[in-house]
Amino acid sequence: MATQSVFSSSPRIAPPHSSSPIKITSAAPPLLNSGSRSLSFPLRSTVPGKLAFRVSSTPSRIASICCALSPDLKNTLDKVVTSQKVVLFMKGTKDFPQCGFSNTVVQVLNSLNVPYETINILENEVLRQGLKEYSNWPTFPQLYIDGEFYGGCDITVEAYKSGELQELLERAMCS
């Protein structure tokens, strides 16, 4: 396997269009980690448009994180957001929000007295990363109304203040 280290004085470079991974190793600041971490990824993914990578603290202990939305996850998210009229992906739960922004959206929805489901994105890192790609929105909470992404905290609060959110939710509940 041809690898290249960013700290190596004589890097070995893989040939162009190779599917061999490049390995990038950096020493973490001593206060954060006494060892080193590596990030490796294929030069060319086997699936066009998809990039997978691994982060590991030691070669024998590898944690895999996929930064692309898998077809299975997309299908699951499609089912989840259409299973209820209002779905909120948030940090924590509606009974115990773990983020001020999530808490704000919960308070808005509670004040409008609409039934809604919440999904705690802190419980699953794959869900958390995949959802960012699914919605094309980088932050949480994420509100879905009638199967469509509506917005995050700021958009929800502005729509609530203007009365637009209440009208939309009333239409959604009647459909």
N, C-alpha and C. Protein backbone atom coordinates (compact mmCIF):
# COMPACT_ATOMS: atom_id res chain seq x y z
N MET A 1 0.85 -1.17 0.00
CA MET A 1 0.00 0.00 0.00
C MET A 1 0.89 1.23 0.00
N ALA A 2 0.73 2.07 -1.01
CA ALA A 2 1.54 3.28 -1.09
C ALA A 2 0.93 4.35 -0.21
N THR A 3 1.75 4.94 0.65
CA THR A 3 1.25 5.98 1.53
C THR A 3 2.15 7.19 1.48
N GLN A 4 1.60 8.30 1.92
CA GLN A 4 2.35 9.54 1.96
C GLN A 4 2.11 10.17 3.32
N SER A 5 3.13 10.52 4.02
CA SER A 5 3.00 11.17 5.31
C SER A 5 3.33 12.64 5.15
N VAL A 6 2.52 13.49 5.75
CA VAL A 6 2.76 14.91 5.61
C VAL A 6 3.98 15.36 6.39
N PHE A 7 4.49 14.52 7.30
CA PHE A 7 5.65 14.87 8.09
C PHE A 7 6.90 14.10 7.67
N SER A 8 6.78 13.31 6.65
CA SER A 8 7.90 12.50 6.18
C SER A 8 8.78 13.31 5.23
N SER A 9 10.08 13.13 5.34
CA SER A 9 10.99 13.85 4.45
C SER A 9 11.07 13.19 3.08
N SER A 10 10.74 11.92 2.99
CA SER A 10 10.75 11.24 1.69
C SER A 10 9.43 10.50 1.49
N PRO A 11 8.41 11.22 1.06
CA PRO A 11 7.10 10.58 0.89
C PRO A 11 7.09 9.61 -0.28
N ARG A 12 6.28 8.55 -0.11
CA ARG A 12 6.04 7.63 -1.21
C ARG A 12 4.68 7.98 -1.78
N ILE A 13 4.64 8.31 -3.03
CA ILE A 13 3.40 8.77 -3.64
C ILE A 13 2.84 7.67 -4.53
N ALA A 14 1.56 7.42 -4.37
CA ALA A 14 0.89 6.41 -5.18
C ALA A 14 0.73 6.93 -6.60
N PRO A 15 0.70 6.05 -7.59
CA PRO A 15 0.52 6.48 -8.97
C PRO A 15 -0.84 7.16 -9.16
N PRO A 16 -0.94 8.05 -10.16
CA PRO A 16 -2.22 8.71 -10.42
C PRO A 16 -3.33 7.69 -10.67
N HIS A 17 -4.55 8.03 -10.25
CA HIS A 17 -5.74 7.20 -10.43
C HIS A 17 -5.65 5.87 -9.70
N SER A 18 -4.82 5.80 -8.70
CA SER A 18 -4.71 4.59 -7.91
C SER A 18 -5.83 4.54 -6.89
N SER A 19 -6.26 3.35 -6.52
CA SER A 19 -7.26 3.23 -5.46
C SER A 19 -6.58 2.98 -4.11
N SER A 20 -5.24 3.03 -4.09
CA SER A 20 -4.52 2.88 -2.83
C SER A 20 -4.72 4.12 -1.98
N PRO A 21 -4.86 3.92 -0.67
CA PRO A 21 -5.10 5.10 0.16
C PRO A 21 -3.85 5.91 0.41
N ILE A 22 -4.05 7.20 0.65
CA ILE A 22 -3.00 8.08 1.14
C ILE A 22 -3.17 8.11 2.64
N LYS A 23 -2.11 8.01 3.37
CA LYS A 23 -2.20 8.05 4.82
C LYS A 23 -1.60 9.35 5.30
N ILE A 24 -2.39 10.11 6.05
CA ILE A 24 -1.93 11.38 6.59
C ILE A 24 -1.85 11.20 8.10
N THR A 25 -0.67 11.42 8.65
CA THR A 25 -0.48 11.24 10.08
C THR A 25 -0.01 12.54 10.68
N SER A 26 -0.60 12.91 11.80
CA SER A 26 -0.16 14.11 12.49
C SER A 26 -0.14 13.86 13.98
N ALA A 27 0.79 14.48 14.64
CA ALA A 27 0.85 14.35 16.09
C ALA A 27 -0.14 15.31 16.69
N ALA A 28 -0.96 14.81 17.61
CA ALA A 28 -1.93 15.67 18.28
C ALA A 28 -1.22 16.46 19.36
N PRO A 29 -1.73 17.63 19.73
CA PRO A 29 -1.12 18.38 20.82
C PRO A 29 -1.06 17.53 22.08
N PRO A 30 0.04 17.63 22.85
CA PRO A 30 0.22 16.77 24.01
C PRO A 30 -0.95 16.81 25.00
N LEU A 31 -1.63 17.93 25.14
CA LEU A 31 -2.74 18.01 26.08
C LEU A 31 -3.94 17.20 25.62
N LEU A 32 -4.08 17.00 24.31
CA LEU A 32 -5.22 16.28 23.79
C LEU A 32 -4.98 14.79 23.66
N ASN A 33 -3.78 14.41 23.26
CA ASN A 33 -3.52 13.00 23.00
C ASN A 33 -2.02 12.78 22.98
N SER A 34 -1.57 11.73 23.65
CA SER A 34 -0.13 11.46 23.68
C SER A 34 0.34 10.69 22.46
N GLY A 35 -0.58 10.07 21.74
CA GLY A 35 -0.21 9.29 20.56
C GLY A 35 -0.39 10.09 19.30
N SER A 36 -0.54 9.39 18.19
CA SER A 36 -0.81 10.08 16.93
C SER A 36 -2.09 9.52 16.33
N ARG A 37 -2.72 10.29 15.49
CA ARG A 37 -3.93 9.86 14.81
C ARG A 37 -3.66 9.83 13.32
N SER A 38 -4.34 8.98 12.62
CA SER A 38 -4.16 8.93 11.18
C SER A 38 -5.51 9.02 10.49
N LEU A 39 -5.51 9.63 9.36
CA LEU A 39 -6.69 9.75 8.52
C LEU A 39 -6.31 9.17 7.18
N SER A 40 -7.02 8.17 6.74
CA SER A 40 -6.70 7.60 5.43
C SER A 40 -7.97 7.49 4.61
N PHE A 41 -7.83 7.67 3.33
CA PHE A 41 -8.97 7.58 2.44
C PHE A 41 -8.48 7.18 1.06
N PRO A 42 -9.34 6.53 0.27
CA PRO A 42 -8.93 6.13 -1.07
C PRO A 42 -8.74 7.34 -1.97
N LEU A 43 -7.77 7.24 -2.88
CA LEU A 43 -7.58 8.31 -3.86
C LEU A 43 -8.80 8.42 -4.76
N ARG A 44 -9.37 7.27 -5.09
CA ARG A 44 -10.55 7.26 -5.95
C ARG A 44 -11.54 6.29 -5.32
N SER A 45 -12.71 6.77 -5.01
CA SER A 45 -13.72 5.95 -4.38
C SER A 45 -14.27 4.95 -5.39
N THR A 46 -14.74 3.82 -4.88
CA THR A 46 -15.36 2.82 -5.75
C THR A 46 -16.76 3.26 -6.16
N VAL A 47 -17.36 4.16 -5.39
CA VAL A 47 -18.68 4.69 -5.72
C VAL A 47 -18.51 6.16 -6.08
N PRO A 48 -18.82 6.57 -7.31
CA PRO A 48 -18.63 7.95 -7.71
C PRO A 48 -19.37 8.92 -6.77
N GLY A 49 -18.67 9.98 -6.40
CA GLY A 49 -19.27 10.99 -5.54
C GLY A 49 -19.26 10.65 -4.07
N LYS A 50 -18.78 9.49 -3.69
CA LYS A 50 -18.79 9.08 -2.28
C LYS A 50 -17.35 8.99 -1.79
N LEU A 51 -17.11 9.47 -0.60
CA LEU A 51 -15.79 9.44 -0.01
C LEU A 51 -15.91 8.84 1.38
N ALA A 52 -15.20 7.80 1.65
CA ALA A 52 -15.22 7.17 2.97
C ALA A 52 -13.85 7.35 3.58
N PHE A 53 -13.80 7.52 4.90
CA PHE A 53 -12.51 7.67 5.55
C PHE A 53 -12.55 7.00 6.92
N ARG A 54 -11.34 6.77 7.46
CA ARG A 54 -11.20 6.16 8.77
C ARG A 54 -10.34 7.06 9.63
N VAL A 55 -10.67 7.14 10.89
CA VAL A 55 -9.84 7.84 11.84
C VAL A 55 -9.46 6.81 12.89
N SER A 56 -8.17 6.68 13.17
CA SER A 56 -7.79 5.69 14.17
C SER A 56 -6.66 6.22 15.03
N SER A 57 -6.70 5.85 16.32
CA SER A 57 -5.63 6.26 17.21
C SER A 57 -4.50 5.24 17.18
N THR A 58 -4.82 4.00 16.87
CA THR A 58 -3.82 2.96 16.69
C THR A 58 -4.25 2.10 15.50
N PRO A 59 -3.30 1.48 14.82
CA PRO A 59 -3.66 0.68 13.65
C PRO A 59 -4.62 -0.46 13.98
N SER A 60 -4.55 -1.03 15.18
CA SER A 60 -5.41 -2.15 15.51
C SER A 60 -6.81 -1.73 15.95
N ARG A 61 -6.97 -0.46 16.26
CA ARG A 61 -8.26 0.03 16.74
C ARG A 61 -8.77 1.09 15.78
N ILE A 62 -9.66 0.71 14.88
CA ILE A 62 -10.12 1.61 13.83
C ILE A 62 -11.60 1.91 14.02
N ALA A 63 -11.92 3.19 14.03
CA ALA A 63 -13.32 3.62 14.06
C ALA A 63 -13.66 4.10 12.66
N SER A 64 -14.69 3.56 12.07
CA SER A 64 -15.07 3.96 10.71
C SER A 64 -16.18 4.98 10.75
N ILE A 65 -16.02 6.02 9.97
CA ILE A 65 -17.04 7.04 9.81
C ILE A 65 -17.20 7.25 8.31
N CYS A 66 -18.39 7.17 7.83
CA CYS A 66 -18.64 7.40 6.41
C CYS A 66 -19.23 8.79 6.26
N CYS A 67 -18.59 9.61 5.46
CA CYS A 67 -19.08 10.98 5.34
C CYS A 67 -20.14 11.11 4.26
N ALA A 68 -20.48 10.05 3.58
CA ALA A 68 -21.50 10.11 2.54
C ALA A 68 -22.78 9.45 3.04
N LEU A 69 -23.89 9.94 2.56
CA LEU A 69 -25.19 9.40 2.91
C LEU A 69 -25.38 8.08 2.15
N SER A 70 -25.49 7.00 2.89
CA SER A 70 -25.66 5.70 2.25
C SER A 70 -27.09 5.56 1.74
N PRO A 71 -27.31 4.73 0.73
CA PRO A 71 -28.68 4.51 0.24
C PRO A 71 -29.61 3.98 1.34
N ASP A 72 -29.11 3.09 2.20
CA ASP A 72 -29.94 2.56 3.28
C ASP A 72 -30.35 3.66 4.25
N LEU A 73 -29.40 4.52 4.61
CA LEU A 73 -29.72 5.61 5.53
C LEU A 73 -30.69 6.59 4.88
N LYS A 74 -30.52 6.87 3.60
CA LYS A 74 -31.44 7.77 2.89
C LYS A 74 -32.85 7.19 2.91
N ASN A 75 -32.99 5.90 2.63
CA ASN A 75 -34.31 5.26 2.65
C ASN A 75 -34.94 5.33 4.04
N THR A 76 -34.12 5.09 5.06
CA THR A 76 -34.61 5.16 6.44
C THR A 76 -35.07 6.57 6.77
N LEU A 77 -34.27 7.57 6.41
CA LEU A 77 -34.64 8.95 6.68
C LEU A 77 -35.91 9.35 5.92
N ASP A 78 -36.04 8.88 4.68
CA ASP A 78 -37.26 9.14 3.92
C ASP A 78 -38.48 8.63 4.68
N LYS A 79 -38.37 7.42 5.22
CA LYS A 79 -39.48 6.82 5.97
C LYS A 79 -39.76 7.58 7.26
N VAL A 80 -38.70 7.97 7.96
CA VAL A 80 -38.86 8.66 9.24
C VAL A 80 -39.53 10.01 9.05
N VAL A 81 -39.06 10.80 8.09
CA VAL A 81 -39.61 12.16 7.94
C VAL A 81 -41.03 12.15 7.39
N THR A 82 -41.44 11.05 6.76
CA THR A 82 -42.82 10.97 6.27
C THR A 82 -43.73 10.18 7.20
N SER A 83 -43.18 9.60 8.26
CA SER A 83 -43.98 8.79 9.18
C SER A 83 -44.87 9.64 10.09
N GLN A 84 -44.49 10.88 10.31
CA GLN A 84 -45.24 11.81 11.16
C GLN A 84 -45.37 13.14 10.42
N LYS A 85 -46.34 13.94 10.80
CA LYS A 85 -46.51 15.25 10.18
C LYS A 85 -45.37 16.19 10.54
N VAL A 86 -44.87 16.08 11.79
CA VAL A 86 -43.79 16.95 12.25
C VAL A 86 -42.73 16.09 12.92
N VAL A 87 -41.49 16.22 12.43
CA VAL A 87 -40.36 15.47 12.98
C VAL A 87 -39.23 16.45 13.23
N LEU A 88 -38.66 16.36 14.43
CA LEU A 88 -37.56 17.24 14.81
C LEU A 88 -36.33 16.40 15.13
N PHE A 89 -35.26 16.57 14.36
CA PHE A 89 -33.97 15.96 14.66
C PHE A 89 -33.24 16.97 15.54
N MET A 90 -32.88 16.54 16.73
CA MET A 90 -32.35 17.49 17.70
C MET A 90 -31.29 16.85 18.59
N LYS A 91 -30.62 17.69 19.35
CA LYS A 91 -29.66 17.22 20.35
C LYS A 91 -30.43 17.04 21.65
N GLY A 92 -30.60 15.78 22.02
CA GLY A 92 -31.39 15.44 23.20
C GLY A 92 -32.79 15.01 22.80
N THR A 93 -33.70 15.10 23.77
CA THR A 93 -35.09 14.72 23.54
C THR A 93 -35.98 15.91 23.89
N LYS A 94 -37.27 15.81 23.53
CA LYS A 94 -38.18 16.92 23.86
C LYS A 94 -38.32 17.08 25.37
N ASP A 95 -38.12 16.00 26.12
CA ASP A 95 -38.18 16.08 27.59
C ASP A 95 -36.87 16.56 28.20
N PHE A 96 -35.77 16.36 27.46
CA PHE A 96 -34.46 16.76 27.98
C PHE A 96 -33.57 17.24 26.83
N PRO A 97 -33.85 18.44 26.31
CA PRO A 97 -32.99 18.99 25.24
C PRO A 97 -31.58 19.21 25.77
N GLN A 98 -30.58 18.92 24.93
CA GLN A 98 -29.19 19.07 25.34
C GLN A 98 -28.49 20.18 24.56
N CYS A 99 -29.26 21.13 24.08
CA CYS A 99 -28.72 22.24 23.32
C CYS A 99 -29.75 23.36 23.39
N GLY A 100 -29.29 24.57 23.52
CA GLY A 100 -30.19 25.71 23.60
C GLY A 100 -31.04 25.90 22.36
N PHE A 101 -30.47 25.66 21.19
CA PHE A 101 -31.22 25.81 19.94
C PHE A 101 -32.32 24.75 19.84
N SER A 102 -31.97 23.51 20.21
CA SER A 102 -32.97 22.44 20.21
C SER A 102 -34.08 22.77 21.20
N ASN A 103 -33.71 23.26 22.37
CA ASN A 103 -34.69 23.63 23.39
C ASN A 103 -35.63 24.72 22.86
N THR A 104 -35.10 25.68 22.14
CA THR A 104 -35.92 26.77 21.60
C THR A 104 -36.98 26.22 20.64
N VAL A 105 -36.58 25.32 19.73
CA VAL A 105 -37.54 24.76 18.77
C VAL A 105 -38.58 23.91 19.50
N VAL A 106 -38.17 23.15 20.51
CA VAL A 106 -39.11 22.37 21.31
C VAL A 106 -40.13 23.30 21.96
N GLN A 107 -39.67 24.41 22.52
CA GLN A 107 -40.58 25.36 23.17
C GLN A 107 -41.57 25.96 22.16
N VAL A 108 -41.09 26.26 20.96
CA VAL A 108 -41.96 26.80 19.91
C VAL A 108 -43.04 25.77 19.57
N LEU A 109 -42.63 24.53 19.30
CA LEU A 109 -43.60 23.48 18.93
C LEU A 109 -44.57 23.21 20.07
N ASN A 110 -44.09 23.19 21.30
CA ASN A 110 -44.96 22.97 22.46
C ASN A 110 -45.99 24.10 22.58
N SER A 111 -45.55 25.33 22.34
CA SER A 111 -46.47 26.47 22.46
C SER A 111 -47.57 26.42 21.40
N LEU A 112 -47.29 25.78 20.27
CA LEU A 112 -48.29 25.65 19.21
C LEU A 112 -49.17 24.42 19.40
N ASN A 113 -48.84 23.63 20.42
CA ASN A 113 -49.63 22.45 20.79
C ASN A 113 -49.84 21.48 19.62
N VAL A 114 -48.76 21.21 18.88
CA VAL A 114 -48.83 20.24 17.78
C VAL A 114 -48.12 18.96 18.20
N PRO A 115 -48.64 17.81 17.77
CA PRO A 115 -47.93 16.56 18.05
C PRO A 115 -46.69 16.48 17.15
N TYR A 116 -45.59 16.04 17.71
CA TYR A 116 -44.36 15.90 16.93
C TYR A 116 -43.48 14.82 17.54
N GLU A 117 -42.64 14.27 16.69
CA GLU A 117 -41.68 13.26 17.11
C GLU A 117 -40.30 13.90 17.13
N THR A 118 -39.46 13.43 18.04
CA THR A 118 -38.08 13.90 18.08
C THR A 118 -37.14 12.71 17.93
N ILE A 119 -36.02 12.96 17.31
CA ILE A 119 -34.95 11.97 17.18
C ILE A 119 -33.69 12.61 17.72
N ASN A 120 -33.07 11.94 18.68
CA ASN A 120 -31.85 12.43 19.31
C ASN A 120 -30.65 12.08 18.43
N ILE A 121 -30.08 13.05 17.77
CA ILE A 121 -28.97 12.80 16.85
C ILE A 121 -27.65 12.55 17.59
N LEU A 122 -27.62 12.79 18.88
CA LEU A 122 -26.39 12.55 19.65
C LEU A 122 -26.17 11.06 19.90
N GLU A 123 -27.19 10.25 19.69
CA GLU A 123 -27.07 8.82 19.94
C GLU A 123 -26.43 8.05 18.80
N ASN A 124 -26.30 8.68 17.63
CA ASN A 124 -25.80 7.95 16.47
C ASN A 124 -25.03 8.90 15.55
N GLU A 125 -23.72 8.76 15.52
CA GLU A 125 -22.86 9.65 14.73
C GLU A 125 -23.10 9.48 13.22
N VAL A 126 -23.41 8.27 12.77
CA VAL A 126 -23.68 8.05 11.35
C VAL A 126 -24.95 8.79 10.95
N LEU A 127 -25.97 8.71 11.80
CA LEU A 127 -27.20 9.45 11.55
C LEU A 127 -26.92 10.95 11.52
N ARG A 128 -26.17 11.42 12.49
CA ARG A 128 -25.87 12.85 12.60
C ARG A 128 -25.18 13.37 11.34
N GLN A 129 -24.16 12.66 10.86
CA GLN A 129 -23.44 13.10 9.67
C GLN A 129 -24.26 12.91 8.40
N GLY A 130 -24.97 11.79 8.30
CA GLY A 130 -25.78 11.52 7.12
C GLY A 130 -26.92 12.51 6.97
N LEU A 131 -27.50 12.92 8.09
CA LEU A 131 -28.61 13.86 8.06
C LEU A 131 -28.18 15.23 7.54
N LYS A 132 -26.95 15.61 7.82
CA LYS A 132 -26.43 16.89 7.30
C LYS A 132 -26.43 16.88 5.77
N GLU A 133 -26.08 15.76 5.19
CA GLU A 133 -26.07 15.63 3.74
C GLU A 133 -27.50 15.49 3.20
N TYR A 134 -28.31 14.74 3.91
CA TYR A 134 -29.70 14.50 3.50
C TYR A 134 -30.46 15.81 3.35
N SER A 135 -30.30 16.70 4.33
CA SER A 135 -31.03 17.96 4.33
C SER A 135 -30.25 19.09 3.65
N ASN A 136 -28.97 18.86 3.42
CA ASN A 136 -28.08 19.91 2.92
C ASN A 136 -28.07 21.09 3.90
N TRP A 137 -28.09 20.75 5.20
CA TRP A 137 -28.11 21.75 6.27
C TRP A 137 -27.11 21.29 7.32
N PRO A 138 -26.13 22.10 7.66
CA PRO A 138 -25.01 21.62 8.49
C PRO A 138 -25.24 21.59 10.00
N THR A 139 -26.34 22.17 10.48
CA THR A 139 -26.51 22.29 11.92
C THR A 139 -27.81 21.65 12.40
N PHE A 140 -27.90 21.53 13.72
CA PHE A 140 -29.10 20.99 14.36
C PHE A 140 -29.61 21.99 15.38
N PRO A 141 -30.90 21.99 15.58
CA PRO A 141 -31.95 21.05 15.19
C PRO A 141 -32.36 21.23 13.72
N GLN A 142 -33.05 20.20 13.21
CA GLN A 142 -33.60 20.24 11.86
C GLN A 142 -35.06 19.84 11.95
N LEU A 143 -35.93 20.71 11.48
CA LEU A 143 -37.37 20.48 11.55
C LEU A 143 -37.90 20.06 10.19
N TYR A 144 -38.69 19.00 10.18
CA TYR A 144 -39.35 18.50 8.97
C TYR A 144 -40.85 18.60 9.19
N ILE A 145 -41.53 19.18 8.21
CA ILE A 145 -42.99 19.30 8.25
C ILE A 145 -43.54 18.68 6.99
N ASP A 146 -44.46 17.74 7.15
CA ASP A 146 -45.07 17.02 6.02
C ASP A 146 -44.02 16.39 5.10
N GLY A 147 -42.97 15.84 5.69
CA GLY A 147 -41.95 15.13 4.93
C GLY A 147 -40.91 16.03 4.28
N GLU A 148 -41.02 17.34 4.46
CA GLU A 148 -40.10 18.28 3.83
C GLU A 148 -39.27 19.00 4.89
N PHE A 149 -37.99 19.19 4.58
CA PHE A 149 -37.13 19.96 5.49
C PHE A 149 -37.63 21.40 5.55
N TYR A 150 -37.85 21.88 6.76
CA TYR A 150 -38.33 23.25 6.94
C TYR A 150 -37.19 24.20 7.29
N GLY A 151 -36.37 23.83 8.26
CA GLY A 151 -35.25 24.68 8.63
C GLY A 151 -34.73 24.38 10.01
N GLY A 152 -33.82 25.22 10.45
CA GLY A 152 -33.22 25.09 11.76
C GLY A 152 -33.90 26.03 12.75
N CYS A 153 -33.21 26.33 13.81
CA CYS A 153 -33.76 27.15 14.89
C CYS A 153 -34.12 28.55 14.42
N ASP A 154 -33.22 29.24 13.77
CA ASP A 154 -33.47 30.64 13.37
C ASP A 154 -34.68 30.76 12.44
N ILE A 155 -34.75 29.88 11.45
CA ILE A 155 -35.86 29.90 10.50
C ILE A 155 -37.18 29.60 11.22
N THR A 156 -37.15 28.63 12.11
CA THR A 156 -38.35 28.25 12.86
C THR A 156 -38.83 29.40 13.74
N VAL A 157 -37.91 30.05 14.43
CA VAL A 157 -38.28 31.16 15.31
C VAL A 157 -38.85 32.33 14.50
N GLU A 158 -38.22 32.66 13.39
CA GLU A 158 -38.73 33.76 12.55
C GLU A 158 -40.13 33.44 12.01
N ALA A 159 -40.33 32.20 11.57
CA ALA A 159 -41.64 31.80 11.05
C ALA A 159 -42.69 31.79 12.17
N TYR A 160 -42.28 31.45 13.36
CA TYR A 160 -43.18 31.47 14.52
C TYR A 160 -43.60 32.91 14.83
N LYS A 161 -42.64 33.81 14.85
CA LYS A 161 -42.93 35.22 15.15
C LYS A 161 -43.86 35.85 14.11
N SER A 162 -43.70 35.45 12.85
CA SER A 162 -44.52 36.03 11.78
C SER A 162 -45.89 35.36 11.65
N GLY A 163 -46.09 34.22 12.31
CA GLY A 163 -47.35 33.50 12.19
C GLY A 163 -47.35 32.46 11.08
N GLU A 164 -46.30 32.47 10.25
CA GLU A 164 -46.20 31.54 9.12
C GLU A 164 -46.13 30.08 9.58
N LEU A 165 -45.40 29.82 10.65
CA LEU A 165 -45.24 28.45 11.14
C LEU A 165 -46.57 27.88 11.59
N GLN A 166 -47.35 28.65 12.32
CA GLN A 166 -48.65 28.17 12.80
C GLN A 166 -49.56 27.84 11.63
N GLU A 167 -49.58 28.69 10.60
CA GLU A 167 -50.41 28.43 9.42
C GLU A 167 -49.97 27.15 8.71
N LEU A 168 -48.67 26.99 8.54
CA LEU A 168 -48.15 25.80 7.88
C LEU A 168 -48.49 24.54 8.67
N LEU A 169 -48.33 24.59 9.98
CA LEU A 169 -48.62 23.43 10.81
C LEU A 169 -50.12 23.10 10.80
N GLU A 170 -50.95 24.10 10.79
CA GLU A 170 -52.40 23.86 10.70
C GLU A 170 -52.76 23.16 9.40
N ARG A 171 -52.16 23.63 8.29
CA ARG A 171 -52.40 22.97 6.99
C ARG A 171 -51.89 21.53 7.01
N ALA A 172 -50.70 21.32 7.59
CA ALA A 172 -50.12 19.98 7.64
C ALA A 172 -50.98 19.03 8.47
N MET A 173 -51.52 19.51 9.58
CA MET A 173 -52.34 18.66 10.44
C MET A 173 -53.66 18.29 9.77
N CYS A 174 -54.15 19.14 8.89
CA CYS A 174 -55.43 18.90 8.21
C CYS A 174 -55.27 18.03 6.96
N SER A 175 -54.05 17.90 6.46
CA SER A 175 -53.86 17.14 5.20
C SER A 175 -53.76 15.66 5.45
